[in-house]
Amino acid sequence: MNINNFKYIEKIVNPYQIYNLYYFRPVRGFSLDSRSIKKGEAFIALAGKHKDGHHYAAEAAKKGASLIIAERKTETNPKIPQFIVEDSYQALKGLIIFARKKINKAKIFGITGSLGKTTTKEILAFSLEPYGRVLKSKGTENNILGVAKTIFSYQNHDLVIFELGANHKGELAVLADLTKPDIGIITCVKPAHLEGFGTLEQVGQEKLSLLKNSQTKAVLNAKDPFLFKSVLPNRVYWFGRGKAKGRKNNLYCFLEKREKNKVYFKVLGKYSLILPSYLEHFIDNYLAALLGGHLLGLPYQELVKRLNSFRGFPSMRMEQSRIDNYLILNDAYNANPDSFKEALRVLKKFKIPKVVVAADMLELGSKSNYYHRQLACQLLGSGCHYCLTYGSHTQAVNRQLRALSYRNAFHFSSHQKIAQFIKKKMNNKECLILLKGSRAMELEKVLKFL
């Protein structure tokens, strides 16, 4: 992306002050990160909660930034132009809109949902790699900064996949406006981020705002109660296990058989799809990706064959490993009531002693105590030998378990103490350890102490 005339950028970001314009040279792109900026790119200084990008403008200049866009003048090389704007985030939105217009030749996917966004994105990207150059959101960068980083990385890609998230009202509508996806995938609607939305209904309406562009084809989960009963646009394509009642699934599958570390499905009654995991709930992510790829005109047979070699599940999503005789299931990337339920359901497949390390499910708002108390009954049903809790909200889990006469519930104040307890009680005997909690709880640190 080369911009040779400063007036284009001036029109987009509307600076109220300009410095060093005499030294303007072509802008080869845009960057938000001084660590990865390339020579000739413009650096956009954003003031965030934890870091202020203005402090890194000098570093960006040293690495060859051709322009600084900021809310105040920064101390940098005097031969680098600076555009001073009222609001860097508004300037960023304008630049995203400008960049989006430059990629109209590419097919654009937007993926959202309460669960499985990143997994679906990785599966979809893998399935499409034989058919063109694929650009995807990095990791779980699914807010406006992630959208910006992705779109600024575009270099004649044929397919672009945005992961889009939201934790407050209106956020996803903005991202949908900025990305304008040709195909929008909603994995599911579950009680997550209730602190920002209030009710499940509002969570669902936020997810549906992905489809506000009338040209967006919708790929939806037919097994999701909220989506199934919603009033939707015409361009809707459904996926799910079995044939849904009342609506025809455009893509469906049936379970064929289970093996120790594999699950076999028959897609559309024709194609054998093999999940390289006993976690059969991942089938929803596969189906969403398959249907999304098929809407590009790609044949199911080829897509299924490609996905039978997929092994790229994101880390800390029921990630399996071993420490001595401990079998670890690390599902510590995030947690909400439904993902916790799925994780505990998996435990029933194992016949060895089980230790559940449960940390807070965050952003549940006024429903937090209710969902944490409810978790106690699910833990009892999982057959776990110990339930070790960590965090302020899980004290409700611990109290409820004790009220239900469960004697092996213990609450801890640190990751290290959890690990010490496990080593003392299990004494390196064979057992399964499940780590499950919201990202901010950092339960993976328990493994370091083990």
Protein backbone atom coordinates (compact mmCIF):
# COMPACT_ATOMS: atom_id res chain seq x y z
CA MET A 1 0.00 0.00 0.00
CA ASN A 2 1.85 3.11 -1.23
CA ILE A 3 0.48 6.62 -0.63
CA ASN A 4 2.56 9.21 -2.43
CA ASN A 5 0.46 12.30 -1.70
CA PHE A 6 0.11 13.55 1.88
CA LYS A 7 -3.32 15.01 1.03
CA TYR A 8 -4.85 11.50 0.95
CA ILE A 9 -3.80 10.85 4.52
CA GLU A 10 -4.68 14.38 5.61
CA LYS A 11 -8.21 13.91 4.30
CA ILE A 12 -8.59 10.56 6.13
CA VAL A 13 -7.24 11.49 9.58
CA ASN A 14 -8.12 15.23 9.57
CA PRO A 15 -5.18 16.57 11.62
CA TYR A 16 -5.56 19.92 13.36
CA GLN A 17 -1.80 20.46 13.30
CA ILE A 18 0.96 19.28 10.95
CA TYR A 19 4.70 19.40 11.60
CA ASN A 20 7.68 18.84 9.27
CA LEU A 21 5.54 18.42 6.16
CA TYR A 22 8.47 19.44 3.98
CA TYR A 23 10.01 16.02 4.69
CA PHE A 24 6.96 13.97 3.65
CA ARG A 25 7.85 10.86 1.67
CA PRO A 26 5.70 7.97 0.40
CA VAL A 27 3.91 5.99 3.11
CA ARG A 28 4.24 2.25 2.48
CA GLY A 29 1.70 1.15 5.08
CA PHE A 30 0.64 1.67 8.69
CA SER A 31 1.75 0.20 12.00
CA LEU A 32 0.55 0.29 15.61
CA ASP A 33 3.63 -1.43 17.03
CA SER A 34 7.08 0.15 17.18
CA ARG A 35 8.62 -3.31 17.65
CA SER A 36 7.51 -4.60 14.26
CA ILE A 37 7.23 -1.42 12.19
CA LYS A 38 8.82 -1.58 8.73
CA LYS A 39 10.78 1.18 7.06
CA GLY A 40 8.49 3.61 5.29
CA GLU A 41 5.36 2.81 7.34
CA ALA A 42 3.40 5.42 9.28
CA PHE A 43 3.25 4.90 13.04
CA ILE A 44 -0.12 5.48 14.75
CA ALA A 45 0.29 6.32 18.44
CA LEU A 46 -2.66 5.03 20.48
CA ALA A 47 -3.21 5.76 24.16
CA GLY A 48 -4.50 2.51 25.66
CA LYS A 49 -5.37 1.28 29.16
CA HIS A 50 -1.96 -0.19 29.84
CA LYS A 51 0.42 1.45 27.36
CA ASP A 52 0.64 4.80 25.64
CA GLY A 53 1.88 4.53 22.07
CA HIS A 54 3.17 8.11 22.21
CA HIS A 55 6.04 6.84 24.38
CA TYR A 56 7.18 4.60 21.50
CA ALA A 57 7.12 7.15 18.66
CA ALA A 58 10.86 7.80 18.96
CA GLU A 59 11.58 4.08 18.65
CA ALA A 60 9.33 3.89 15.57
CA ALA A 61 11.18 6.84 14.07
CA LYS A 62 14.55 5.17 14.60
CA LYS A 63 13.29 2.11 12.75
CA GLY A 64 12.34 4.15 9.69
CA ALA A 65 8.79 5.39 10.26
CA SER A 66 7.89 7.83 7.50
CA LEU A 67 5.11 9.59 9.42
CA ILE A 68 3.81 9.87 13.00
CA ILE A 69 0.04 10.14 13.60
CA ALA A 70 -0.59 11.09 17.22
CA GLU A 71 -2.73 13.13 19.62
CA ARG A 72 0.21 15.29 20.69
CA LYS A 73 3.57 16.23 19.26
CA THR A 74 6.24 13.67 20.12
CA GLU A 75 9.98 14.07 20.48
CA THR A 76 11.34 12.35 17.38
CA ASN A 77 13.61 13.03 14.44
CA PRO A 78 12.68 16.56 13.21
CA LYS A 79 12.76 15.30 9.63
CA ILE A 80 9.75 13.04 10.19
CA PRO A 81 6.32 14.62 9.56
CA GLN A 82 3.77 14.48 12.36
CA PHE A 83 -0.01 14.69 11.93
CA ILE A 84 -1.64 15.70 15.23
CA VAL A 85 -5.26 14.56 15.54
CA GLU A 86 -8.03 14.93 18.11
CA ASP A 87 -8.51 11.19 18.54
CA SER A 88 -6.05 8.54 17.36
CA TYR A 89 -8.73 5.83 17.46
CA GLN A 90 -10.98 7.80 15.12
CA ALA A 91 -8.00 8.32 12.82
CA LEU A 92 -7.35 4.57 12.98
CA LYS A 93 -10.95 3.82 11.96
CA GLY A 94 -10.60 6.10 8.97
CA LEU A 95 -7.40 4.36 7.89
CA ILE A 96 -9.04 0.92 8.27
CA ILE A 97 -11.93 2.04 6.04
CA PHE A 98 -9.40 3.32 3.50
CA ALA A 99 -7.45 0.04 3.63
CA ARG A 100 -10.63 -2.07 3.37
CA LYS A 101 -11.52 -0.35 0.08
CA LYS A 102 -8.16 -1.46 -1.30
CA ILE A 103 -8.88 -5.17 -0.77
CA ASN A 104 -12.19 -5.53 -2.57
CA LYS A 105 -10.75 -8.26 -4.80
CA ALA A 106 -10.25 -10.55 -1.80
CA LYS A 107 -13.03 -12.63 -0.25
CA ILE A 108 -13.56 -11.54 3.35
CA PHE A 109 -14.68 -13.75 6.27
CA GLY A 110 -15.78 -12.48 9.67
CA ILE A 111 -16.01 -14.99 12.52
CA THR A 112 -17.66 -14.29 15.86
CA GLY A 113 -19.47 -16.19 18.62
CA SER A 114 -19.27 -16.86 22.34
CA LEU A 115 -17.10 -19.95 21.87
CA GLY A 116 -14.77 -21.35 19.25
CA LYS A 117 -13.89 -18.23 17.24
CA THR A 118 -10.14 -18.85 17.16
CA THR A 119 -10.48 -22.60 16.56
CA THR A 120 -12.90 -22.01 13.67
CA LYS A 121 -10.59 -19.38 12.21
CA GLU A 122 -7.60 -21.75 12.27
CA ILE A 123 -9.60 -24.62 10.73
CA LEU A 124 -11.02 -22.36 8.01
CA ALA A 125 -7.62 -20.87 7.16
CA PHE A 126 -6.08 -24.35 6.90
CA SER A 127 -8.89 -25.59 4.65
CA LEU A 128 -8.51 -22.64 2.25
CA GLU A 129 -4.72 -22.60 1.92
CA PRO A 130 -4.67 -24.73 -1.27
CA TYR A 131 -7.00 -22.24 -2.99
CA GLY A 132 -5.17 -18.93 -2.59
CA ARG A 133 -3.09 -16.73 -0.34
CA VAL A 134 -4.77 -16.55 3.08
CA LEU A 135 -4.43 -13.70 5.58
CA LYS A 136 -5.92 -14.30 9.03
CA SER A 137 -6.14 -12.48 12.35
CA LYS A 138 -3.14 -13.27 14.50
CA GLY A 139 -3.83 -15.29 17.64
CA THR A 140 -6.93 -13.94 19.35
CA GLU A 141 -6.50 -10.33 18.23
CA ASN A 142 -10.19 -9.75 17.60
CA ASN A 143 -10.84 -6.12 18.61
CA ILE A 144 -10.32 -2.97 16.54
CA LEU A 145 -6.55 -3.17 17.05
CA GLY A 146 -6.54 -6.76 15.77
CA VAL A 147 -8.61 -5.75 12.75
CA ALA A 148 -6.18 -2.92 12.04
CA LYS A 149 -3.09 -5.14 12.36
CA THR A 150 -4.65 -7.72 10.04
CA ILE A 151 -5.81 -5.30 7.38
CA PHE A 152 -2.54 -3.37 7.43
CA SER A 153 -0.74 -6.70 6.79
CA TYR A 154 -2.62 -7.26 3.52
CA GLN A 155 -0.37 -7.91 0.52
CA ASN A 156 -2.46 -9.10 -2.43
CA HIS A 157 -4.00 -11.96 -0.45
CA ASP A 158 -6.93 -13.76 -2.03
CA LEU A 159 -8.74 -14.56 1.23
CA VAL A 160 -8.88 -12.60 4.49
CA ILE A 161 -10.26 -14.07 7.73
CA PHE A 162 -11.08 -11.70 10.58
CA GLU A 163 -11.79 -13.01 14.06
CA LEU A 164 -14.17 -10.49 15.65
CA GLY A 165 -14.98 -10.22 19.35
CA ALA A 166 -16.86 -7.86 21.62
CA ASN A 167 -17.27 -7.31 25.35
CA HIS A 168 -19.58 -4.28 25.28
CA LYS A 169 -22.60 -3.11 23.30
CA GLY A 170 -22.01 -1.78 19.83
CA GLU A 171 -18.42 -2.99 19.49
CA LEU A 172 -19.17 -5.76 17.00
CA ALA A 173 -21.35 -3.51 14.85
CA VAL A 174 -18.36 -1.18 14.46
CA LEU A 175 -16.08 -4.07 13.50
CA ALA A 176 -18.65 -5.35 11.00
CA ASP A 177 -18.83 -1.89 9.43
CA LEU A 178 -15.06 -1.72 9.17
CA THR A 179 -14.50 -5.22 7.73
CA LYS A 180 -17.70 -5.71 5.66
CA PRO A 181 -17.38 -9.51 5.45
CA ASP A 182 -18.68 -11.39 2.42
CA ILE A 183 -19.31 -14.38 4.68
CA GLY A 184 -20.11 -14.03 8.38
CA ILE A 185 -19.83 -17.04 10.69
CA ILE A 186 -21.48 -17.09 14.13
CA THR A 187 -20.36 -20.16 16.08
CA CYS A 188 -22.88 -19.86 18.94
CA VAL A 189 -24.50 -17.51 21.45
CA LYS A 190 -23.78 -18.33 25.11
CA PRO A 191 -23.65 -16.45 28.45
CA ALA A 192 -20.29 -14.73 28.06
CA HIS A 193 -19.33 -11.09 28.73
CA LEU A 194 -22.62 -10.59 30.57
CA GLU A 195 -20.97 -7.80 32.52
CA GLY A 196 -20.88 -5.75 29.32
CA PHE A 197 -24.16 -6.92 27.79
CA GLY A 198 -26.49 -7.73 30.67
CA THR A 199 -28.54 -10.59 29.19
CA LEU A 200 -28.12 -13.49 26.80
CA GLU A 201 -30.58 -11.75 24.46
CA GLN A 202 -28.25 -8.76 24.25
CA VAL A 203 -25.23 -11.01 23.70
CA GLY A 204 -27.09 -12.59 20.80
CA GLN A 205 -28.13 -9.29 19.27
CA GLU A 206 -24.52 -8.15 19.42
CA LYS A 207 -23.38 -11.27 17.56
CA LEU A 208 -26.09 -10.80 14.93
CA SER A 209 -24.79 -7.32 14.19
CA LEU A 210 -22.05 -9.11 12.22
CA LEU A 211 -24.72 -9.59 9.56
CA LYS A 212 -25.86 -5.95 9.33
CA ASN A 213 -24.37 -5.60 5.83
CA SER A 214 -27.09 -6.85 3.48
CA GLN A 215 -24.48 -8.49 1.23
CA THR A 216 -23.06 -10.71 3.99
CA LYS A 217 -23.91 -14.41 3.73
CA ALA A 218 -24.62 -15.84 7.19
CA VAL A 219 -23.22 -19.20 8.35
CA LEU A 220 -25.03 -20.15 11.55
CA ASN A 221 -25.17 -23.00 14.05
CA ALA A 222 -28.59 -24.67 13.79
CA LYS A 223 -28.15 -26.26 17.23
CA ASP A 224 -27.90 -22.88 18.93
CA PRO A 225 -31.31 -22.06 20.47
CA PHE A 226 -30.92 -18.29 20.22
CA LEU A 227 -29.82 -18.29 16.58
CA PHE A 228 -32.42 -20.84 15.57
CA LYS A 229 -35.34 -18.75 16.82
CA SER A 230 -33.98 -15.35 15.67
CA VAL A 231 -35.36 -13.24 12.85
CA LEU A 232 -32.59 -13.35 10.28
CA PRO A 233 -31.73 -11.98 6.84
CA ASN A 234 -32.41 -14.07 3.74
CA ARG A 235 -28.86 -15.18 3.04
CA VAL A 236 -28.64 -17.76 5.85
CA TYR A 237 -26.89 -21.12 5.68
CA TRP A 238 -27.17 -23.58 8.57
CA PHE A 239 -24.77 -26.21 9.89
CA GLY A 240 -25.16 -28.75 12.67
CA ARG A 241 -25.19 -32.37 13.71
CA GLY A 242 -28.15 -34.23 12.27
CA LYS A 243 -31.01 -32.67 10.31
CA ALA A 244 -32.55 -29.86 12.34
CA LYS A 245 -36.30 -29.87 12.89
CA GLY A 246 -38.16 -27.02 11.24
CA ARG A 247 -35.23 -25.91 9.09
CA LYS A 248 -33.09 -27.71 6.62
CA ASN A 249 -29.40 -27.80 7.52
CA ASN A 250 -27.32 -26.88 4.50
CA LEU A 251 -24.49 -28.89 6.02
CA TYR A 252 -24.97 -31.71 8.51
CA CYS A 253 -23.15 -34.77 9.78
CA PHE A 254 -23.73 -37.87 11.85
CA LEU A 255 -21.44 -39.53 14.34
CA GLU A 256 -20.06 -42.82 12.98
CA LYS A 257 -17.78 -44.11 15.73
CA ARG A 258 -15.44 -43.13 18.53
CA GLU A 259 -11.92 -44.39 19.12
CA LYS A 260 -9.46 -43.56 21.88
CA ASN A 261 -8.11 -40.37 20.30
CA LYS A 262 -10.31 -40.01 17.21
CA VAL A 263 -13.94 -39.39 16.37
CA TYR A 264 -15.40 -40.29 12.96
CA PHE A 265 -18.25 -38.36 11.34
CA LYS A 266 -20.09 -38.80 8.05
CA VAL A 267 -20.67 -35.43 6.38
CA LEU A 268 -23.82 -35.15 4.21
CA GLY A 269 -23.98 -38.94 4.34
CA LYS A 270 -21.05 -39.12 1.88
CA TYR A 271 -17.71 -37.89 3.19
CA SER A 272 -15.74 -39.32 6.11
CA LEU A 273 -14.38 -36.62 8.42
CA ILE A 274 -11.93 -37.66 11.13
CA LEU A 275 -11.35 -35.47 14.19
CA PRO A 276 -7.85 -36.11 15.58
CA SER A 277 -9.18 -35.79 19.12
CA TYR A 278 -11.68 -37.31 21.54
CA LEU A 279 -13.17 -33.78 21.84
CA GLU A 280 -16.10 -34.31 19.52
CA HIS A 281 -17.63 -30.90 20.23
CA PHE A 282 -14.99 -29.48 17.86
CA ILE A 283 -17.17 -30.84 15.04
CA ASP A 284 -19.17 -27.58 15.12
CA ASN A 285 -16.00 -25.63 14.28
CA TYR A 286 -15.24 -28.01 11.41
CA LEU A 287 -18.76 -27.72 10.01
CA ALA A 288 -18.71 -23.91 10.18
CA ALA A 289 -15.40 -23.85 8.28
CA LEU A 290 -16.59 -26.40 5.72
CA LEU A 291 -19.79 -24.48 4.99
CA GLY A 292 -17.89 -21.19 4.78
CA GLY A 293 -15.43 -22.68 2.28
CA HIS A 294 -18.23 -24.24 0.25
CA LEU A 295 -19.91 -20.83 -0.14
CA LEU A 296 -16.82 -19.82 -2.12
CA GLY A 297 -17.71 -22.56 -4.60
CA LEU A 298 -15.28 -25.15 -3.24
CA PRO A 299 -16.39 -28.81 -3.25
CA TYR A 300 -17.09 -30.49 0.09
CA GLN A 301 -15.16 -33.60 -0.91
CA GLU A 302 -11.91 -31.66 -1.34
CA LEU A 303 -12.45 -29.58 1.80
CA VAL A 304 -13.14 -32.64 3.96
CA LYS A 305 -10.09 -34.42 2.58
CA ARG A 306 -7.96 -31.39 3.42
CA LEU A 307 -9.33 -31.12 6.96
CA ASN A 308 -8.57 -34.75 7.70
CA SER A 309 -4.95 -33.63 8.01
CA PHE A 310 -5.66 -30.63 10.28
CA ARG A 311 -3.68 -30.69 13.55
CA GLY A 312 -3.43 -27.00 14.37
CA PHE A 313 -5.73 -26.59 17.37
CA PRO A 314 -4.87 -23.36 19.25
CA SER A 315 -2.95 -23.75 22.49
CA MET A 316 -4.69 -23.98 25.87
CA ARG A 317 -7.92 -25.30 24.34
CA MET A 318 -8.06 -28.74 25.99
CA GLU A 319 -4.37 -29.02 25.12
CA GLN A 320 -3.03 -32.37 26.25
CA SER A 321 0.43 -32.94 27.73
CA ARG A 322 2.22 -34.96 30.40
CA ILE A 323 4.27 -34.07 33.45
CA ASP A 324 5.63 -37.33 34.84
CA ASN A 325 2.52 -39.41 35.60
CA TYR A 326 0.18 -36.45 35.40
CA LEU A 327 -1.96 -36.22 32.27
CA ILE A 328 -2.70 -32.52 31.79
CA LEU A 329 -5.75 -31.07 30.02
CA ASN A 330 -4.97 -27.38 29.73
CA ASP A 331 -8.17 -25.51 28.90
CA ALA A 332 -7.01 -22.34 30.64
CA TYR A 333 -7.35 -19.95 27.71
CA ASN A 334 -10.84 -18.84 28.68
CA ALA A 335 -13.97 -19.94 30.48
CA ASN A 336 -17.70 -19.36 30.55
CA PRO A 337 -20.52 -21.61 31.82
CA ASP A 338 -20.94 -23.54 28.56
CA SER A 339 -17.26 -24.12 27.86
CA PHE A 340 -16.83 -25.32 31.47
CA LYS A 341 -19.71 -27.75 30.99
CA GLU A 342 -18.07 -29.16 27.85
CA ALA A 343 -14.70 -29.54 29.58
CA LEU A 344 -16.24 -31.42 32.51
CA ARG A 345 -18.16 -33.69 30.15
CA VAL A 346 -14.84 -34.81 28.67
CA LEU A 347 -13.59 -35.96 32.09
CA LYS A 348 -16.08 -38.84 32.10
CA LYS A 349 -14.07 -40.50 29.33
CA PHE A 350 -11.12 -41.05 31.68
CA LYS A 351 -10.98 -43.86 34.23
CA ILE A 352 -7.99 -42.54 36.19
CA PRO A 353 -8.27 -40.23 39.25
CA LYS A 354 -9.15 -36.67 38.24
CA VAL A 355 -8.17 -33.31 39.74
CA VAL A 356 -10.06 -30.22 38.55
CA VAL A 357 -8.37 -26.86 39.03
CA ALA A 358 -11.16 -24.32 38.56
CA ALA A 359 -10.53 -20.57 38.42
CA ASP A 360 -12.95 -17.68 38.06
CA MET A 361 -15.23 -17.29 35.07
CA LEU A 362 -14.99 -13.53 34.59
CA GLU A 363 -17.29 -10.88 33.07
CA LEU A 364 -20.52 -12.63 34.09
CA GLY A 365 -21.86 -9.51 35.82
CA SER A 366 -24.76 -9.92 38.23
CA LYS A 367 -25.12 -13.57 37.19
CA SER A 368 -21.61 -14.48 38.38
CA ASN A 369 -22.59 -15.98 41.74
CA TYR A 370 -25.43 -17.96 40.11
CA TYR A 371 -23.21 -19.55 37.44
CA HIS A 372 -20.40 -20.34 39.87
CA ARG A 373 -22.80 -22.02 42.31
CA GLN A 374 -24.31 -23.97 39.41
CA LEU A 375 -20.82 -25.18 38.50
CA ALA A 376 -20.61 -27.09 41.79
CA CYS A 377 -23.29 -29.60 40.71
CA GLN A 378 -21.55 -30.12 37.37
CA LEU A 379 -18.25 -30.78 39.15
CA LEU A 380 -19.92 -33.40 41.32
CA GLY A 381 -21.30 -35.09 38.21
CA SER A 382 -17.86 -35.18 36.56
CA GLY A 383 -16.52 -37.70 39.06
CA CYS A 384 -13.50 -35.60 40.02
CA HIS A 385 -11.48 -36.74 43.05
CA TYR A 386 -10.42 -33.23 44.03
CA CYS A 387 -11.74 -29.79 43.14
CA LEU A 388 -9.18 -27.05 43.70
CA THR A 389 -10.49 -23.51 43.27
CA TYR A 390 -8.66 -20.23 42.74
CA GLY A 391 -9.99 -16.68 42.60
CA SER A 392 -12.64 -14.65 44.39
CA HIS A 393 -15.64 -15.89 42.38
CA THR A 394 -14.84 -19.59 42.79
CA GLN A 395 -15.18 -19.27 46.55
CA ALA A 396 -18.89 -19.70 45.78
CA VAL A 397 -18.06 -23.03 44.08
CA ASN A 398 -16.07 -24.17 47.10
CA ARG A 399 -18.83 -23.23 49.54
CA GLN A 400 -21.50 -24.95 47.47
CA LEU A 401 -19.46 -28.14 47.13
CA ARG A 402 -19.00 -28.27 50.88
CA ALA A 403 -22.70 -27.63 51.39
CA LEU A 404 -23.33 -30.66 49.17
CA SER A 405 -21.07 -32.74 51.48
CA TYR A 406 -18.20 -32.96 49.00
CA ARG A 407 -15.12 -33.28 51.21
CA ASN A 408 -12.34 -32.80 48.67
CA ALA A 409 -12.94 -29.15 47.82
CA PHE A 410 -10.07 -26.78 48.63
CA HIS A 411 -9.57 -23.10 47.89
CA PHE A 412 -6.15 -21.55 47.21
CA SER A 413 -4.56 -18.11 47.06
CA SER A 414 -1.75 -18.89 44.59
CA HIS A 415 -0.77 -21.10 41.65
CA GLN A 416 2.21 -22.38 43.60
CA LYS A 417 0.10 -23.61 46.50
CA ILE A 418 -2.17 -25.47 44.07
CA ALA A 419 0.82 -27.28 42.59
CA GLN A 420 2.21 -28.09 46.03
CA PHE A 421 -1.13 -29.59 47.06
CA ILE A 422 -1.30 -31.75 43.93
CA LYS A 423 2.25 -33.04 44.42
CA LYS A 424 1.59 -33.85 48.05
CA LYS A 425 -1.78 -35.57 47.56
CA MET A 426 -1.15 -37.37 44.26
CA ASN A 427 2.54 -38.10 44.92
CA ASN A 428 3.23 -38.58 41.21
CA LYS A 429 0.54 -41.26 40.91
CA GLU A 430 -1.22 -41.45 37.57
CA CYS A 431 -4.02 -38.90 37.39
CA LEU A 432 -5.65 -36.36 35.11
CA ILE A 433 -5.42 -32.65 35.90
CA LEU A 434 -7.88 -30.27 34.21
CA LEU A 435 -7.03 -26.56 34.25
CA LYS A 436 -10.02 -24.36 33.46
CA GLY A 437 -10.54 -20.63 34.03
CA SER A 438 -10.69 -17.24 32.38
CA ARG A 439 -7.56 -15.89 30.67
CA ALA A 440 -6.78 -13.32 33.36
CA MET A 441 -6.50 -16.12 35.96
CA GLU A 442 -3.39 -17.51 34.20
CA LEU A 443 -3.90 -21.08 35.38
CA GLU A 444 -1.12 -22.32 33.10
CA LYS A 445 1.27 -21.06 35.79
CA VAL A 446 0.31 -24.11 37.86
CA LEU A 447 2.20 -26.22 35.32
CA LYS A 448 5.38 -24.25 35.93
CA PHE A 449 5.23 -25.15 39.63
CA LEU A 450 4.40 -28.79 38.87
